[in-house]
Amino acid sequence: MTAEQFRQLALNLDGATESSHQGHPDFRAHGKIFATLQYPDDSWGMVKLSPPDQARLVEMQPAVFLPVKGAWGRQGCTSVRLAAAKSDVLKYALDLAWQKSAGHSKKTKRVVSK
């Protein structure tokens, strides 16, 4: 996964726009940031998940997902190791983050394989 592929997946979500936050690209929907790129460096992205979604993805894909350190991580902010991410898994995580930004978390039947 490249940063450009992450960007395209994020922008393909309904109403998503790209902006900037603290010097790195962010992706917003429903007036809220749901994902970012390039933090702490160009090899990472971040998705804002619910804590239960974060725990599930970290458990299933530990080479890809890692909770952000500190309070942000405890609230569901999840680092994405771009080089290890596969398109279908990242698309799923971005969709969950987009749903969270909308204030709902519809239950999906998609399964992320290990």
PDB file of N, CA and C in Angstrom:
ATOM      1  N   MET A   1       0.857  -1.175   0.000  1.00  0.00           N
ATOM      2  CA  MET A   1       0.000   0.000   0.000  1.00  0.00           C
ATOM      3  C   MET A   1       0.897   1.231   0.000  1.00  0.00           C
ATOM      4  N   THR A   2       0.575   2.166  -0.869  1.00  0.00           N
ATOM      5  CA  THR A   2       1.287   3.436  -0.894  1.00  0.00           C
ATOM      6  C   THR A   2       0.413   4.525  -0.275  1.00  0.00           C
ATOM      7  N   ALA A   3       1.036   5.647   0.016  1.00  0.00           N
ATOM      8  CA  ALA A   3       0.266   6.787   0.534  1.00  0.00           C
ATOM      9  C   ALA A   3      -0.784   7.222  -0.478  1.00  0.00           C
ATOM     10  N   GLU A   4      -0.442   7.189  -1.749  1.00  0.00           N
ATOM     11  CA  GLU A   4      -1.402   7.591  -2.782  1.00  0.00           C
ATOM     12  C   GLU A   4      -2.587   6.626  -2.836  1.00  0.00           C
ATOM     13  N   GLN A   5      -2.347   5.343  -2.666  1.00  0.00           N
ATOM     14  CA  GLN A   5      -3.445   4.375  -2.644  1.00  0.00           C
ATOM     15  C   GLN A   5      -4.330   4.595  -1.410  1.00  0.00           C
ATOM     16  N   PHE A   6      -3.714   4.864  -0.262  1.00  0.00           N
ATOM     17  CA  PHE A   6      -4.466   5.198   0.954  1.00  0.00           C
ATOM     18  C   PHE A   6      -5.345   6.405   0.669  1.00  0.00           C
ATOM     19  N   ARG A   7      -4.755   7.449   0.084  1.00  0.00           N
ATOM     20  CA  ARG A   7      -5.479   8.688  -0.237  1.00  0.00           C
ATOM     21  C   ARG A   7      -6.689   8.391  -1.121  1.00  0.00           C
ATOM     22  N   GLN A   8      -6.500   7.605  -2.166  1.00  0.00           N
ATOM     23  CA  GLN A   8      -7.600   7.311  -3.084  1.00  0.00           C
ATOM     24  C   GLN A   8      -8.710   6.511  -2.410  1.00  0.00           C
ATOM     25  N   LEU A   9      -8.337   5.545  -1.577  1.00  0.00           N
ATOM     26  CA  LEU A   9      -9.359   4.779  -0.844  1.00  0.00           C
ATOM     27  C   LEU A   9     -10.156   5.688   0.084  1.00  0.00           C
ATOM     28  N   ALA A  10      -9.468   6.595   0.772  1.00  0.00           N
ATOM     29  CA  ALA A  10     -10.157   7.517   1.686  1.00  0.00           C
ATOM     30  C   ALA A  10     -11.079   8.449   0.917  1.00  0.00           C
ATOM     31  N   LEU A  11     -10.598   8.984  -0.190  1.00  0.00           N
ATOM     32  CA  LEU A  11     -11.396   9.949  -0.953  1.00  0.00           C
ATOM     33  C   LEU A  11     -12.550   9.301  -1.712  1.00  0.00           C
ATOM     34  N   ASN A  12     -12.518   7.986  -1.867  1.00  0.00           N
ATOM     35  CA  ASN A  12     -13.629   7.287  -2.522  1.00  0.00           C
ATOM     36  C   ASN A  12     -14.847   7.141  -1.612  1.00  0.00           C
ATOM     37  N   LEU A  13     -14.688   7.423  -0.331  1.00  0.00           N
ATOM     38  CA  LEU A  13     -15.821   7.329   0.591  1.00  0.00           C
ATOM     39  C   LEU A  13     -16.733   8.538   0.409  1.00  0.00           C
ATOM     40  N   ASP A  14     -18.021   8.329   0.560  1.00  0.00           N
ATOM     41  CA  ASP A  14     -19.033   9.349   0.311  1.00  0.00           C
ATOM     42  C   ASP A  14     -18.772  10.633   1.104  1.00  0.00           C
ATOM     43  N   GLY A  15     -18.617  11.731   0.393  1.00  0.00           N
ATOM     44  CA  GLY A  15     -18.456  13.036   1.024  1.00  0.00           C
ATOM     45  C   GLY A  15     -17.080  13.313   1.591  1.00  0.00           C
ATOM     46  N   ALA A  16     -16.124  12.410   1.397  1.00  0.00           N
ATOM     47  CA  ALA A  16     -14.783  12.598   1.958  1.00  0.00           C
ATOM     48  C   ALA A  16     -14.029  13.696   1.208  1.00  0.00           C
ATOM     49  N   THR A  17     -13.299  14.496   1.984  1.00  0.00           N
ATOM     50  CA  THR A  17     -12.456  15.544   1.417  1.00  0.00           C
ATOM     51  C   THR A  17     -11.085  15.469   2.067  1.00  0.00           C
ATOM     52  N   GLU A  18     -10.097  16.012   1.366  1.00  0.00           N
ATOM     53  CA  GLU A  18      -8.748  16.072   1.915  1.00  0.00           C
ATOM     54  C   GLU A  18      -8.457  17.483   2.373  1.00  0.00           C
ATOM     55  N   SER A  19      -7.813  17.582   3.509  1.00  0.00           N
ATOM     56  CA  SER A  19      -7.402  18.863   4.076  1.00  0.00           C
ATOM     57  C   SER A  19      -6.022  18.656   4.687  1.00  0.00           C
ATOM     58  N   SER A  20      -5.660  19.499   5.639  1.00  0.00           N
ATOM     59  CA  SER A  20      -4.370  19.368   6.301  1.00  0.00           C
ATOM     60  C   SER A  20      -4.539  19.668   7.780  1.00  0.00           C
ATOM     61  N   HIS A  21      -3.804  18.933   8.592  1.00  0.00           N
ATOM     62  CA  HIS A  21      -3.872  19.093  10.045  1.00  0.00           C
ATOM     63  C   HIS A  21      -2.470  18.891  10.604  1.00  0.00           C
ATOM     64  N   GLN A  22      -1.955  19.879  11.277  1.00  0.00           N
ATOM     65  CA  GLN A  22      -0.629  19.821  11.878  1.00  0.00           C
ATOM     66  C   GLN A  22       0.448  19.380  10.881  1.00  0.00           C
ATOM     67  N   GLY A  23       0.349  19.887   9.657  1.00  0.00           N
ATOM     68  CA  GLY A  23       1.378  19.646   8.662  1.00  0.00           C
ATOM     69  C   GLY A  23       1.304  18.336   7.912  1.00  0.00           C
ATOM     70  N   HIS A  24       0.245  17.583   8.074  1.00  0.00           N
ATOM     71  CA  HIS A  24       0.101  16.358   7.289  1.00  0.00           C
ATOM     72  C   HIS A  24      -1.337  16.228   6.775  1.00  0.00           C
ATOM     73  N   PRO A  25      -1.512  15.470   5.668  1.00  0.00           N
ATOM     74  CA  PRO A  25      -2.842  15.348   5.070  1.00  0.00           C
ATOM     75  C   PRO A  25      -3.828  14.661   6.016  1.00  0.00           C
ATOM     76  N   ASP A  26      -5.066  15.155   5.990  1.00  0.00           N
ATOM     77  CA  ASP A  26      -6.124  14.463   6.711  1.00  0.00           C
ATOM     78  C   ASP A  26      -7.323  14.306   5.795  1.00  0.00           C
ATOM     79  N   PHE A  27      -8.193  13.409   6.184  1.00  0.00           N
ATOM     80  CA  PHE A  27      -9.388  13.108   5.400  1.00  0.00           C
ATOM     81  C   PHE A  27     -10.581  13.269   6.325  1.00  0.00           C
ATOM     82  N   ARG A  28     -11.562  14.023   5.834  1.00  0.00           N
ATOM     83  CA  ARG A  28     -12.711  14.390   6.659  1.00  0.00           C
ATOM     84  C   ARG A  28     -14.012  14.003   5.979  1.00  0.00           C
ATOM     85  N   ALA A  29     -14.976  13.706   6.821  1.00  0.00           N
ATOM     86  CA  ALA A  29     -16.354  13.495   6.381  1.00  0.00           C
ATOM     87  C   ALA A  29     -17.234  13.874   7.564  1.00  0.00           C
ATOM     88  N   HIS A  30     -18.391  14.392   7.277  1.00  0.00           N
ATOM     89  CA  HIS A  30     -19.336  14.778   8.329  1.00  0.00           C
ATOM     90  C   HIS A  30     -18.720  15.799   9.280  1.00  0.00           C
ATOM     91  N   GLY A  31     -17.782  16.616   8.755  1.00  0.00           N
ATOM     92  CA  GLY A  31     -17.140  17.647   9.561  1.00  0.00           C
ATOM     93  C   GLY A  31     -16.084  17.140  10.530  1.00  0.00           C
ATOM     94  N   LYS A  32     -15.675  15.877  10.397  1.00  0.00           N
ATOM     95  CA  LYS A  32     -14.718  15.286  11.329  1.00  0.00           C
ATOM     96  C   LYS A  32     -13.592  14.574  10.581  1.00  0.00           C
ATOM     97  N   ILE A  33     -12.411  14.588  11.180  1.00  0.00           N
ATOM     98  CA  ILE A  33     -11.290  13.826  10.635  1.00  0.00           C
ATOM     99  C   ILE A  33     -11.542  12.345  10.909  1.00  0.00           C
ATOM    100  N   PHE A  34     -11.410  11.522   9.866  1.00  0.00           N
ATOM    101  CA  PHE A  34     -11.538  10.080  10.070  1.00  0.00           C
ATOM    102  C   PHE A  34     -10.243   9.341   9.739  1.00  0.00           C
ATOM    103  N   ALA A  35      -9.289  10.014   9.084  1.00  0.00           N
ATOM    104  CA  ALA A  35      -8.015   9.377   8.745  1.00  0.00           C
ATOM    105  C   ALA A  35      -6.974  10.450   8.457  1.00  0.00           C
ATOM    106  N   THR A  36      -5.704  10.081   8.601  1.00  0.00           N
ATOM    107  CA  THR A  36      -4.603  10.977   8.258  1.00  0.00           C
ATOM    108  C   THR A  36      -3.492  10.176   7.599  1.00  0.00           C
ATOM    109  N   LEU A  37      -2.562  10.895   7.009  1.00  0.00           N
ATOM    110  CA  LEU A  37      -1.364  10.303   6.413  1.00  0.00           C
ATOM    111  C   LEU A  37      -0.130  10.988   6.979  1.00  0.00           C
ATOM    112  N   GLN A  38       0.996  10.294   6.876  1.00  0.00           N
ATOM    113  CA  GLN A  38       2.325  10.855   7.144  1.00  0.00           C
ATOM    114  C   GLN A  38       2.578  11.237   8.597  1.00  0.00           C
ATOM    115  N   TYR A  39       2.019  10.489   9.534  1.00  0.00           N
ATOM    116  CA  TYR A  39       2.378  10.705  10.923  1.00  0.00           C
ATOM    117  C   TYR A  39       2.643   9.360  11.582  1.00  0.00           C
ATOM    118  N   PRO A  40       3.782   9.149  12.157  1.00  0.00           N
ATOM    119  CA  PRO A  40       4.849  10.120  12.404  1.00  0.00           C
ATOM    120  C   PRO A  40       5.748  10.377  11.202  1.00  0.00           C
ATOM    121  N   ASP A  41       5.660   9.526  10.154  1.00  0.00           N
ATOM    122  CA  ASP A  41       6.445   9.779   8.942  1.00  0.00           C
ATOM    123  C   ASP A  41       5.686   9.237   7.736  1.00  0.00           C
ATOM    124  N   ASP A  42       6.307   9.305   6.574  1.00  0.00           N
ATOM    125  CA  ASP A  42       5.635   8.948   5.328  1.00  0.00           C
ATOM    126  C   ASP A  42       5.228   7.479   5.210  1.00  0.00           C
ATOM    127  N   SER A  43       5.714   6.638   6.090  1.00  0.00           N
ATOM    128  CA  SER A  43       5.388   5.212   5.984  1.00  0.00           C
ATOM    129  C   SER A  43       4.136   4.819   6.767  1.00  0.00           C
ATOM    130  N   TRP A  44       3.451   5.810   7.340  1.00  0.00           N
ATOM    131  CA  TRP A  44       2.294   5.533   8.199  1.00  0.00           C
ATOM    132  C   TRP A  44       1.051   6.313   7.774  1.00  0.00           C
ATOM    133  N   GLY A  45      -0.091   5.737   8.096  1.00  0.00           N
ATOM    134  CA  GLY A  45      -1.380   6.405   8.036  1.00  0.00           C
ATOM    135  C   GLY A  45      -2.043   6.220   9.394  1.00  0.00           C
ATOM    136  N   MET A  46      -3.234   6.760   9.555  1.00  0.00           N
ATOM    137  CA  MET A  46      -3.974   6.608  10.803  1.00  0.00           C
ATOM    138  C   MET A  46      -5.453   6.599  10.477  1.00  0.00           C
ATOM    139  N   VAL A  47      -6.193   5.745  11.162  1.00  0.00           N
ATOM    140  CA  VAL A  47      -7.652   5.714  11.068  1.00  0.00           C
ATOM    141  C   VAL A  47      -8.221   5.863  12.470  1.00  0.00           C
ATOM    142  N   LYS A  48      -9.325   6.617  12.581  1.00  0.00           N
ATOM    143  CA  LYS A  48      -9.996   6.803  13.868  1.00  0.00           C
ATOM    144  C   LYS A  48     -11.119   5.782  13.974  1.00  0.00           C
ATOM    145  N   LEU A  49     -10.886   4.773  14.789  1.00  0.00           N
ATOM    146  CA  LEU A  49     -11.836   3.685  14.961  1.00  0.00           C
ATOM    147  C   LEU A  49     -12.484   3.753  16.339  1.00  0.00           C
ATOM    148  N   SER A  50     -13.520   2.988  16.525  1.00  0.00           N
ATOM    149  CA  SER A  50     -14.033   2.798  17.889  1.00  0.00           C
ATOM    150  C   SER A  50     -13.029   1.883  18.600  1.00  0.00           C
ATOM    151  N   PRO A  51     -12.908   1.978  19.913  1.00  0.00           N
ATOM    152  CA  PRO A  51     -11.993   1.074  20.618  1.00  0.00           C
ATOM    153  C   PRO A  51     -12.244  -0.420  20.330  1.00  0.00           C
ATOM    154  N   PRO A  52     -13.506  -0.891  20.261  1.00  0.00           N
ATOM    155  CA  PRO A  52     -13.699  -2.308  19.934  1.00  0.00           C
ATOM    156  C   PRO A  52     -13.223  -2.668  18.515  1.00  0.00           C
ATOM    157  N   ASP A  53     -13.475  -1.784  17.539  1.00  0.00           N
ATOM    158  CA  ASP A  53     -12.996  -2.041  16.181  1.00  0.00           C
ATOM    159  C   ASP A  53     -11.470  -2.042  16.151  1.00  0.00           C
ATOM    160  N   GLN A  54     -10.869  -1.112  16.874  1.00  0.00           N
ATOM    161  CA  GLN A  54      -9.411  -1.052  16.946  1.00  0.00           C
ATOM    162  C   GLN A  54      -8.859  -2.361  17.506  1.00  0.00           C
ATOM    163  N   ALA A  55      -9.409  -2.810  18.616  1.00  0.00           N
ATOM    164  CA  ALA A  55      -8.919  -4.040  19.256  1.00  0.00           C
ATOM    165  C   ALA A  55      -9.017  -5.226  18.302  1.00  0.00           C
ATOM    166  N   ARG A  56     -10.124  -5.318  17.594  1.00  0.00           N
ATOM    167  CA  ARG A  56     -10.318  -6.432  16.661  1.00  0.00           C
ATOM    168  C   ARG A  56      -9.302  -6.390  15.525  1.00  0.00           C
ATOM    169  N   LEU A  57      -9.092  -5.209  14.925  1.00  0.00           N
ATOM    170  CA  LEU A  57      -8.146  -5.119  13.811  1.00  0.00           C
ATOM    171  C   LEU A  57      -6.704  -5.323  14.255  1.00  0.00           C
ATOM    172  N   VAL A  58      -6.341  -4.781  15.415  1.00  0.00           N
ATOM    173  CA  VAL A  58      -4.984  -4.982  15.934  1.00  0.00           C
ATOM    174  C   VAL A  58      -4.737  -6.468  16.195  1.00  0.00           C
ATOM    175  N   GLU A  59      -5.733  -7.145  16.732  1.00  0.00           N
ATOM    176  CA  GLU A  59      -5.588  -8.574  16.995  1.00  0.00           C
ATOM    177  C   GLU A  59      -5.475  -9.372  15.696  1.00  0.00           C
ATOM    178  N   MET A  60      -6.289  -9.036  14.709  1.00  0.00           N
ATOM    179  CA  MET A  60      -6.324  -9.792  13.466  1.00  0.00           C
ATOM    180  C   MET A  60      -5.176  -9.451  12.522  1.00  0.00           C
ATOM    181  N   GLN A  61      -4.705  -8.210  12.577  1.00  0.00           N
ATOM    182  CA  GLN A  61      -3.678  -7.747  11.643  1.00  0.00           C
ATOM    183  C   GLN A  61      -2.578  -6.966  12.387  1.00  0.00           C
ATOM    184  N   PRO A  62      -1.853  -7.597  13.319  1.00  0.00           N
ATOM    185  CA  PRO A  62      -0.867  -6.859  14.121  1.00  0.00           C
ATOM    186  C   PRO A  62       0.296  -6.293  13.319  1.00  0.00           C
ATOM    187  N   ALA A  63       0.566  -6.827  12.146  1.00  0.00           N
ATOM    188  CA  ALA A  63       1.634  -6.280  11.307  1.00  0.00           C
ATOM    189  C   ALA A  63       1.194  -4.995  10.614  1.00  0.00           C
ATOM    190  N   VAL A  64      -0.103  -4.734  10.601  1.00  0.00           N
ATOM    191  CA  VAL A  64      -0.659  -3.569   9.903  1.00  0.00           C
ATOM    192  C   VAL A  64      -1.102  -2.488  10.886  1.00  0.00           C
ATOM    193  N   PHE A  65      -1.834  -2.865  11.910  1.00  0.00           N
ATOM    194  CA  PHE A  65      -2.480  -1.904  12.814  1.00  0.00           C
ATOM    195  C   PHE A  65      -1.812  -1.876  14.182  1.00  0.00           C
ATOM    196  N   LEU A  66      -1.705  -0.673  14.729  1.00  0.00           N
ATOM    197  CA  LEU A  66      -1.085  -0.452  16.029  1.00  0.00           C
ATOM    198  C   LEU A  66      -1.770   0.733  16.686  1.00  0.00           C
ATOM    199  N   PRO A  67      -2.236   0.600  17.934  1.00  0.00           N
ATOM    200  CA  PRO A  67      -2.850   1.766  18.583  1.00  0.00           C
ATOM    201  C   PRO A  67      -1.844   2.916  18.673  1.00  0.00           C
ATOM    202  N   VAL A  68      -2.310   4.124  18.425  1.00  0.00           N
ATOM    203  CA  VAL A  68      -1.492   5.311  18.633  1.00  0.00           C
ATOM    204  C   VAL A  68      -1.180   5.374  20.127  1.00  0.00           C
ATOM    205  N   LYS A  69      -0.022   5.872  20.478  1.00  0.00           N
ATOM    206  CA  LYS A  69       0.356   5.960  21.896  1.00  0.00           C
ATOM    207  C   LYS A  69      -0.504   6.971  22.638  1.00  0.00           C
ATOM    208  N   GLY A  70      -0.734   6.689  23.908  1.00  0.00           N
ATOM    209  CA  GLY A  70      -1.404   7.642  24.787  1.00  0.00           C
ATOM    210  C   GLY A  70      -2.915   7.658  24.665  1.00  0.00           C
ATOM    211  N   ALA A  71      -3.487   8.801  25.079  1.00  0.00           N
ATOM    212  CA  ALA A  71      -4.948   8.949  25.148  1.00  0.00           C
ATOM    213  C   ALA A  71      -5.610   8.805  23.789  1.00  0.00           C
ATOM    214  N   TRP A  72      -4.981   9.332  22.739  1.00  0.00           N
ATOM    215  CA  TRP A  72      -5.586   9.202  21.408  1.00  0.00           C
ATOM    216  C   TRP A  72      -5.763   7.735  21.033  1.00  0.00           C
ATOM    217  N   GLY A  73      -4.772   6.924  21.333  1.00  0.00           N
ATOM    218  CA  GLY A  73      -4.862   5.501  21.031  1.00  0.00           C
ATOM    219  C   GLY A  73      -5.942   4.813  21.845  1.00  0.00           C
ATOM    220  N   ARG A  74      -6.075   5.195  23.105  1.00  0.00           N
ATOM    221  CA  ARG A  74      -7.131   4.603  23.938  1.00  0.00           C
ATOM    222  C   ARG A  74      -8.521   4.977  23.431  1.00  0.00           C
ATOM    223  N   GLN A  75      -8.616   6.077  22.688  1.00  0.00           N
ATOM    224  CA  GLN A  75      -9.895   6.501  22.115  1.00  0.00           C
ATOM    225  C   GLN A  75     -10.149   5.891  20.734  1.00  0.00           C
ATOM    226  N   GLY A  76      -9.202   5.095  20.223  1.00  0.00           N
ATOM    227  CA  GLY A  76      -9.410   4.395  18.960  1.00  0.00           C
ATOM    228  C   GLY A  76      -8.525   4.827  17.805  1.00  0.00           C
ATOM    229  N   CYS A  77      -7.717   5.871  17.987  1.00  0.00           N
ATOM    230  CA  CYS A  77      -6.813   6.273  16.900  1.00  0.00           C
ATOM    231  C   CYS A  77      -5.805   5.151  16.675  1.00  0.00           C
ATOM    232  N   THR A  78      -5.711   4.714  15.432  1.00  0.00           N
ATOM    233  CA  THR A  78      -4.967   3.504  15.106  1.00  0.00           C
ATOM    234  C   THR A  78      -4.001   3.769  13.961  1.00  0.00           C
ATOM    235  N   SER A  79      -2.713   3.549  14.207  1.00  0.00           N
ATOM    236  CA  SER A  79      -1.697   3.704  13.166  1.00  0.00           C
ATOM    237  C   SER A  79      -1.797   2.553  12.176  1.00  0.00           C
ATOM    238  N   VAL A  80      -1.514   2.871  10.913  1.00  0.00           N
ATOM    239  CA  VAL A  80      -1.545   1.884   9.830  1.00  0.00           C
ATOM    240  C   VAL A  80      -0.164   1.848   9.187  1.00  0.00           C
ATOM    241  N   ARG A  81       0.499   0.707   9.245  1.00  0.00           N
ATOM    242  CA  ARG A  81       1.793   0.522   8.590  1.00  0.00           C
ATOM    243  C   ARG A  81       1.506   0.282   7.104  1.00  0.00           C
ATOM    244  N   LEU A  82       1.720   1.316   6.286  1.00  0.00           N
ATOM    245  CA  LEU A  82       1.306   1.265   4.887  1.00  0.00           C
ATOM    246  C   LEU A  82       1.920   0.103   4.123  1.00  0.00           C
ATOM    247  N   ALA A  83       3.200  -0.157   4.307  1.00  0.00           N
ATOM    248  CA  ALA A  83       3.874  -1.215   3.545  1.00  0.00           C
ATOM    249  C   ALA A  83       3.258  -2.592   3.796  1.00  0.00           C
ATOM    250  N   ALA A  84       2.663  -2.796   4.956  1.00  0.00           N
ATOM    251  CA  ALA A  84       2.088  -4.094   5.309  1.00  0.00           C
ATOM    252  C   ALA A  84       0.599  -4.203   4.976  1.00  0.00           C
ATOM    253  N   ALA A  85      -0.045  -3.075   4.679  1.00  0.00           N
ATOM    254  CA  ALA A  85      -1.501  -3.067   4.484  1.00  0.00           C
ATOM    255  C   ALA A  85      -1.889  -3.553   3.093  1.00  0.00           C
ATOM    256  N   LYS A  86      -2.930  -4.356   3.056  1.00  0.00           N
ATOM    257  CA  LYS A  86      -3.529  -4.780   1.787  1.00  0.00           C
ATOM    258  C   LYS A  86      -4.763  -3.917   1.537  1.00  0.00           C
ATOM    259  N   SER A  87      -5.069  -3.713   0.290  1.00  0.00           N
ATOM    260  CA  SER A  87      -6.138  -2.808  -0.106  1.00  0.00           C
ATOM    261  C   SER A  87      -7.472  -3.146   0.547  1.00  0.00           C
ATOM    262  N   ASP A  88      -7.875  -4.411   0.543  1.00  0.00           N
ATOM    263  CA  ASP A  88      -9.185  -4.769   1.086  1.00  0.00           C
ATOM    264  C   ASP A  88      -9.267  -4.526   2.589  1.00  0.00           C
ATOM    265  N   VAL A  89      -8.182  -4.780   3.297  1.00  0.00           N
ATOM    266  CA  VAL A  89      -8.158  -4.572   4.744  1.00  0.00           C
ATOM    267  C   VAL A  89      -8.204  -3.077   5.065  1.00  0.00           C
ATOM    268  N   LEU A  90      -7.413  -2.288   4.338  1.00  0.00           N
ATOM    269  CA  LEU A  90      -7.416  -0.852   4.587  1.00  0.00           C
ATOM    270  C   LEU A  90      -8.759  -0.234   4.207  1.00  0.00           C
ATOM    271  N   LYS A  91      -9.346  -0.691   3.122  1.00  0.00           N
ATOM    272  CA  LYS A  91     -10.658  -0.180   2.726  1.00  0.00           C
ATOM    273  C   LYS A  91     -11.680  -0.445   3.836  1.00  0.00           C
ATOM    274  N   TYR A  92     -11.629  -1.614   4.422  1.00  0.00           N
ATOM    275  CA  TYR A  92     -12.523  -1.958   5.529  1.00  0.00           C
ATOM    276  C   TYR A  92     -12.298  -1.027   6.719  1.00  0.00           C
ATOM    277  N   ALA A  93     -11.033  -0.812   7.097  1.00  0.00           N
ATOM    278  CA  ALA A  93     -10.715   0.058   8.231  1.00  0.00           C
ATOM    279  C   ALA A  93     -11.143   1.499   7.957  1.00  0.00           C
ATOM    280  N   LEU A  94     -10.902   1.985   6.756  1.00  0.00           N
ATOM    281  CA  LEU A  94     -11.328   3.349   6.404  1.00  0.00           C
ATOM    282  C   LEU A  94     -12.840   3.473   6.448  1.00  0.00           C
ATOM    283  N   ASP A  95     -13.547   2.443   5.997  1.00  0.00           N
ATOM    284  CA  ASP A  95     -15.008   2.460   6.046  1.00  0.00           C
ATOM    285  C   ASP A  95     -15.503   2.521   7.490  1.00  0.00           C
ATOM    286  N   LEU A  96     -14.875   1.757   8.376  1.00  0.00           N
ATOM    287  CA  LEU A  96     -15.251   1.817   9.793  1.00  0.00           C
ATOM    288  C   LEU A  96     -15.013   3.213  10.359  1.00  0.00           C
ATOM    289  N   ALA A  97     -13.870   3.819  10.009  1.00  0.00           N
ATOM    290  CA  ALA A  97     -13.554   5.163  10.493  1.00  0.00           C
ATOM    291  C   ALA A  97     -14.541   6.180   9.930  1.00  0.00           C
ATOM    292  N   TRP A  98     -14.905   6.039   8.660  1.00  0.00           N
ATOM    293  CA  TRP A  98     -15.883   6.932   8.027  1.00  0.00           C
ATOM    294  C   TRP A  98     -17.230   6.813   8.754  1.00  0.00           C
ATOM    295  N   GLN A  99     -17.650   5.578   9.038  1.00  0.00           N
ATOM    296  CA  GLN A  99     -18.912   5.357   9.757  1.00  0.00           C
ATOM    297  C   GLN A  99     -18.876   6.024  11.129  1.00  0.00           C
ATOM    298  N   LYS A 100     -17.742   5.909  11.820  1.00  0.00           N
ATOM    299  CA  LYS A 100     -17.606   6.537  13.136  1.00  0.00           C
ATOM    300  C   LYS A 100     -17.732   8.049  13.017  1.00  0.00           C
ATOM    301  N   SER A 101     -17.172   8.635  11.954  1.00  0.00           N
ATOM    302  CA  SER A 101     -17.269  10.086  11.776  1.00  0.00           C
ATOM    303  C   SER A 101     -18.706  10.522  11.527  1.00  0.00           C
ATOM    304  N   ALA A 102     -19.507   9.600  11.008  1.00  0.00           N
ATOM    305  CA  ALA A 102     -20.917   9.899  10.748  1.00  0.00           C
ATOM    306  C   ALA A 102     -21.760   9.775  12.018  1.00  0.00           C
ATOM    307  N   GLY A 103     -21.156   9.282  13.078  1.00  0.00           N
ATOM    308  CA  GLY A 103     -21.886   9.140  14.334  1.00  0.00           C
ATOM    309  C   GLY A 103     -22.661   7.849  14.440  1.00  0.00           C
ATOM    310  N   HIS A 104     -22.354   6.909  13.574  1.00  0.00           N
ATOM    311  CA  HIS A 104     -23.002   5.605  13.673  1.00  0.00           C
ATOM    312  C   HIS A 104     -21.994   4.538  13.302  1.00  0.00           C
ATOM    313  N   SER A 105     -22.280   3.352  13.681  1.00  0.00           N
ATOM    314  CA  SER A 105     -21.403   2.238  13.313  1.00  0.00           C
ATOM    315  C   SER A 105     -22.272   1.079  12.877  1.00  0.00           C
ATOM    316  N   LYS A 106     -22.723   1.149  11.641  1.00  0.00           N
ATOM    317  CA  LYS A 106     -23.549   0.053  11.139  1.00  0.00           C
ATOM    318  C   LYS A 106     -22.740  -1.227  11.193  1.00  0.00           C
ATOM    319  N   LYS A 107     -23.383  -2.273  11.514  1.00  0.00           N
ATOM    320  CA  LYS A 107     -22.706  -3.553  11.610  1.00  0.00           C
ATOM    321  C   LYS A 107     -22.564  -4.128  10.207  1.00  0.00           C
ATOM    322  N   THR A 108     -21.335  -4.447   9.846  1.00  0.00           N
ATOM    323  CA  THR A 108     -21.094  -5.043   8.541  1.00  0.00           C
ATOM    324  C   THR A 108     -20.765  -6.509   8.730  1.00  0.00           C
ATOM    325  N   LYS A 109     -20.944  -7.268   7.684  1.00  0.00           N
ATOM    326  CA  LYS A 109     -20.663  -8.686   7.755  1.00  0.00           C
ATOM    327  C   LYS A 109     -19.346  -9.019   7.075  1.00  0.00           C
ATOM    328  N   ARG A 110     -18.579  -7.992   6.745  1.00  0.00           N
ATOM    329  CA  ARG A 110     -17.289  -8.227   6.126  1.00  0.00           C
ATOM    330  C   ARG A 110     -16.345  -8.843   7.134  1.00  0.00           C
ATOM    331  N   VAL A 111     -15.497  -9.724   6.667  1.00  0.00           N
ATOM    332  CA  VAL A 111     -14.546 -10.387   7.529  1.00  0.00           C
ATOM    333  C   VAL A 111     -13.151 -10.031   7.031  1.00  0.00           C
ATOM    334  N   VAL A 112     -12.281  -9.689   7.955  1.00  0.00           N
ATOM    335  CA  VAL A 112     -10.889  -9.414   7.620  1.00  0.00           C
ATOM    336  C   VAL A 112     -10.093 -10.654   7.967  1.00  0.00           C
ATOM    337  N   SER A 113      -9.420 -11.212   6.978  1.00  0.00           N
ATOM    338  CA  SER A 113      -8.666 -12.427   7.221  1.00  0.00           C
ATOM    339  C   SER A 113      -7.294 -12.117   7.802  1.00  0.00           C
ATOM    340  N   LYS A 114      -6.751 -13.089   8.494  1.00  0.00           N
ATOM    341  CA  LYS A 114      -5.415 -12.923   9.093  1.00  0.00           C
ATOM    342  C   LYS A 114      -4.346 -13.059   8.050  1.00  0.00           C
TER     343      LYS A 114
END
